[in-house]
């Protein structure tokens, strides 16, 4: 009787470990930088600019931008300027400074300063979507996000996060991979957790 209970207990532990590994089986990684001289206490409001999209999904940039905005708002640390207002002012500022509208990631210091003044923000959040694949079993989302001071143009914070939905244990047990929307939320949260 004792051996049966002991065997059952061991089997239960093995199953519990396997279940925990499956749950944690969604791979992901993050690389971050925080400017050692940055003081985030003066930042009350930020603008989330359009994300550069380096993927085949033509809407990946806007999908990630929307998730970043919601995640920042849900944390209650900064106010966020409404997306339509940001797009309108950004277009006007880019035209006024002669900057190229397609590459928001290459804003110069003057453009950033003007954008900060017009939007009433102390910092902007921008970045890129480097991978956005949602195929069954091969899902991966990789994003790069950074925060720039609008007055100086200095990078205050930057992170690159990746989330995969087809971890080793998910494959072993035959669970379906996570979709790109779920992975986007996970990658953005992982990146922003290094800041907020």
Protein backbone atom coordinates (compact mmCIF):
# COMPACT_ATOMS: atom_id res chain seq x y z
CA UNK A 1 0.00 0.00 0.00
CA UNK A 2 2.82 2.42 0.92
CA UNK A 3 4.62 1.77 -2.40
CA UNK A 4 1.42 2.45 -4.36
CA UNK A 5 0.89 5.79 -2.59
CA UNK A 6 4.54 6.73 -3.07
CA UNK A 7 4.37 5.85 -6.79
CA UNK A 8 1.13 7.82 -7.18
CA UNK A 9 2.70 10.84 -5.44
CA UNK A 10 5.74 10.73 -7.74
CA UNK A 11 3.54 10.43 -10.81
CA UNK A 12 1.48 13.40 -9.62
CA UNK A 13 4.62 15.49 -9.19
CA UNK A 14 5.82 14.60 -12.69
CA UNK A 15 2.45 15.55 -14.16
CA UNK A 16 2.41 18.84 -12.22
CA UNK A 17 5.90 19.74 -13.45
CA UNK A 18 4.88 18.88 -17.03
CA UNK A 19 1.76 21.07 -16.81
CA UNK A 20 3.77 23.98 -15.41
CA UNK A 21 6.30 23.64 -18.20
CA UNK A 22 3.51 23.61 -20.80
CA UNK A 23 2.00 26.76 -19.34
CA UNK A 24 5.40 28.44 -19.30
CA UNK A 25 6.25 26.95 -22.70
CA UNK A 26 5.61 30.15 -24.60
CA UNK A 27 9.13 31.33 -25.24
CA UNK A 28 10.16 34.92 -25.05
CA UNK A 29 13.09 37.16 -24.42
CA UNK A 30 13.87 40.80 -23.75
CA UNK A 31 16.86 43.10 -24.11
CA UNK A 32 16.64 46.52 -22.45
CA UNK A 33 18.46 49.78 -21.91
CA UNK A 34 17.60 52.49 -19.38
CA UNK A 35 19.54 55.73 -19.60
CA UNK A 36 21.40 55.99 -16.28
CA UNK A 37 20.80 59.77 -16.22
CA UNK A 38 17.07 59.50 -16.99
CA UNK A 39 14.59 60.91 -14.51
CA UNK A 40 11.08 59.75 -15.44
CA UNK A 41 9.27 61.76 -12.75
CA UNK A 42 8.87 64.83 -14.98
CA UNK A 43 7.06 62.81 -17.66
CA UNK A 44 3.32 63.25 -17.27
CA UNK A 45 2.11 62.70 -20.83
CA UNK A 46 3.48 60.72 -23.79
CA UNK A 47 2.57 60.30 -27.43
CA UNK A 48 2.80 56.89 -29.08
CA UNK A 49 4.00 57.42 -32.64
CA UNK A 50 3.41 55.03 -35.54
CA UNK A 51 5.61 51.94 -35.46
CA UNK A 52 7.81 51.05 -38.42
CA UNK A 53 6.70 47.75 -39.88
CA UNK A 54 9.39 45.39 -41.18
CA UNK A 55 7.03 42.42 -41.64
CA UNK A 56 4.80 41.04 -44.35
CA UNK A 57 1.64 41.84 -42.34
CA UNK A 58 0.82 45.33 -43.56
CA UNK A 59 -1.14 46.19 -40.41
CA UNK A 60 1.39 44.88 -37.86
CA UNK A 61 2.69 48.36 -37.02
CA UNK A 62 -0.75 49.71 -36.16
CA UNK A 63 -1.67 46.55 -34.23
CA UNK A 64 1.43 46.86 -32.06
CA UNK A 65 0.95 50.62 -31.62
CA UNK A 66 -2.59 50.06 -30.34
CA UNK A 67 -1.42 47.42 -27.86
CA UNK A 68 1.37 49.71 -26.61
CA UNK A 69 -1.11 52.55 -26.06
CA UNK A 70 -3.54 50.33 -24.14
CA UNK A 71 -0.77 48.79 -22.03
CA UNK A 72 0.67 52.20 -21.07
CA UNK A 73 -2.80 53.54 -20.24
CA UNK A 74 -3.69 50.46 -18.17
CA UNK A 75 -0.63 51.00 -15.97
CA UNK A 76 -1.80 54.54 -15.05
CA UNK A 77 1.75 55.95 -15.02
CA UNK A 78 1.51 58.36 -17.97
CA UNK A 79 -1.33 60.03 -19.81
CA UNK A 80 -1.37 59.14 -23.50
CA UNK A 81 -2.39 61.49 -26.31
CA UNK A 82 -5.21 60.10 -28.47
CA UNK A 83 -3.96 58.35 -31.62
CA UNK A 84 -5.89 60.53 -34.09
CA UNK A 85 -4.53 63.71 -32.52
CA UNK A 86 -0.99 62.32 -32.69
CA UNK A 87 -1.39 61.43 -36.38
CA UNK A 88 -2.80 64.86 -37.25
CA UNK A 89 -0.10 66.84 -35.40
CA UNK A 90 2.66 64.50 -36.59
CA UNK A 91 1.66 65.05 -40.21
CA UNK A 92 1.63 68.85 -39.74
CA UNK A 93 5.00 68.87 -37.95
CA UNK A 94 6.64 66.64 -40.54
CA UNK A 95 5.41 68.88 -43.35
CA UNK A 96 6.57 72.02 -41.50
CA UNK A 97 10.07 70.64 -40.91
CA UNK A 98 10.41 68.93 -44.28
CA UNK A 99 11.01 65.53 -42.63
CA UNK A 100 10.15 62.36 -44.51
CA UNK A 101 6.76 61.07 -43.41
CA UNK A 102 7.51 57.37 -43.92
CA UNK A 103 10.33 57.02 -41.39
CA UNK A 104 9.06 58.26 -38.04
CA UNK A 105 11.95 56.49 -36.30
CA UNK A 106 14.42 58.98 -37.78
CA UNK A 107 13.05 62.18 -36.25
CA UNK A 108 15.68 64.82 -35.60
CA UNK A 109 15.93 66.84 -32.41
CA UNK A 110 14.16 69.91 -33.83
CA UNK A 111 11.22 67.84 -35.07
CA UNK A 112 10.93 66.04 -31.73
CA UNK A 113 10.96 69.34 -29.85
CA UNK A 114 8.25 70.82 -32.06
CA UNK A 115 6.19 67.64 -31.77
CA UNK A 116 6.51 67.75 -27.98
CA UNK A 117 5.37 71.37 -27.87
CA UNK A 118 2.38 70.85 -30.19
CA UNK A 119 1.19 67.70 -28.42
CA UNK A 120 2.03 68.87 -24.90
CA UNK A 121 4.13 65.78 -24.18
CA UNK A 122 7.46 65.34 -22.46
CA UNK A 123 8.32 62.10 -24.28
CA UNK A 124 7.37 60.05 -27.30
CA UNK A 125 7.20 56.28 -27.59
CA UNK A 126 8.03 54.75 -30.94
CA UNK A 127 9.60 51.66 -32.40
CA UNK A 128 9.32 48.88 -34.90
CA UNK A 129 7.73 45.53 -35.48
CA UNK A 130 10.56 43.25 -36.54
CA UNK A 131 8.66 39.95 -36.80
CA UNK A 132 4.95 39.25 -36.87
CA UNK A 133 4.16 35.71 -37.91
CA UNK A 134 0.91 34.08 -36.90
CA UNK A 135 1.07 30.75 -38.69
CA UNK A 136 -0.03 27.70 -36.80
CA UNK A 137 2.87 26.21 -34.87
CA UNK A 138 5.34 28.94 -35.89
CA UNK A 139 3.96 32.06 -34.23
CA UNK A 140 6.46 34.75 -33.31
CA UNK A 141 6.25 38.48 -32.58
CA UNK A 142 9.32 40.66 -32.09
CA UNK A 143 9.06 44.36 -31.25
CA UNK A 144 11.51 47.16 -30.51
CA UNK A 145 10.17 50.04 -28.42
CA UNK A 146 11.91 53.18 -27.18
CA UNK A 147 11.08 56.38 -25.34
CA UNK A 148 12.69 59.66 -26.37
CA UNK A 149 12.77 62.92 -24.45
CA UNK A 150 11.12 65.53 -26.70
CA UNK A 151 13.29 68.37 -25.43
CA UNK A 152 16.68 66.78 -25.98
CA UNK A 153 15.99 63.83 -28.30
CA UNK A 154 17.88 61.54 -25.89
CA UNK A 155 16.84 57.91 -25.61
CA UNK A 156 15.47 57.47 -22.09
CA UNK A 157 14.61 53.79 -22.41
CA UNK A 158 14.66 51.10 -25.05
CA UNK A 159 13.66 47.45 -25.11
CA UNK A 160 13.45 44.67 -27.66
CA UNK A 161 11.11 41.82 -26.79
CA UNK A 162 10.15 38.64 -28.55
CA UNK A 163 7.38 36.17 -27.82
CA UNK A 164 6.90 32.80 -29.44
CA UNK A 165 3.82 30.64 -29.31
CA UNK A 166 5.28 27.29 -30.16
CA UNK A 167 7.42 26.33 -27.20
CA UNK A 168 9.04 22.94 -26.82
CA UNK A 169 6.44 21.54 -24.44
CA UNK A 170 3.53 22.83 -26.51
CA UNK A 171 4.92 20.87 -29.46
CA UNK A 172 5.57 17.73 -27.41
CA UNK A 173 2.04 17.59 -26.06
CA UNK A 174 0.52 18.74 -29.33
CA UNK A 175 -1.05 21.99 -28.15
CA UNK A 176 -1.79 24.59 -30.79
CA UNK A 177 0.57 27.57 -30.93
CA UNK A 178 -0.58 30.96 -29.68
CA UNK A 179 -1.86 33.48 -32.22
CA UNK A 180 -0.05 36.69 -33.16
CA UNK A 181 -2.49 38.93 -31.22
CA UNK A 182 -1.81 37.08 -27.96
CA UNK A 183 1.92 37.14 -28.64
CA UNK A 184 1.79 40.88 -29.38
CA UNK A 185 0.26 41.57 -25.98
CA UNK A 186 2.87 39.33 -24.35
CA UNK A 187 5.86 40.92 -26.16
CA UNK A 188 4.65 44.48 -25.46
CA UNK A 189 3.99 43.70 -21.79
CA UNK A 190 7.42 42.09 -21.44
CA UNK A 191 9.09 45.16 -22.97
CA UNK A 192 7.10 47.71 -20.96
CA UNK A 193 7.67 45.77 -17.73
CA UNK A 194 11.31 46.85 -18.00
CA UNK A 195 10.21 50.50 -17.86
CA UNK A 196 6.95 50.76 -15.91
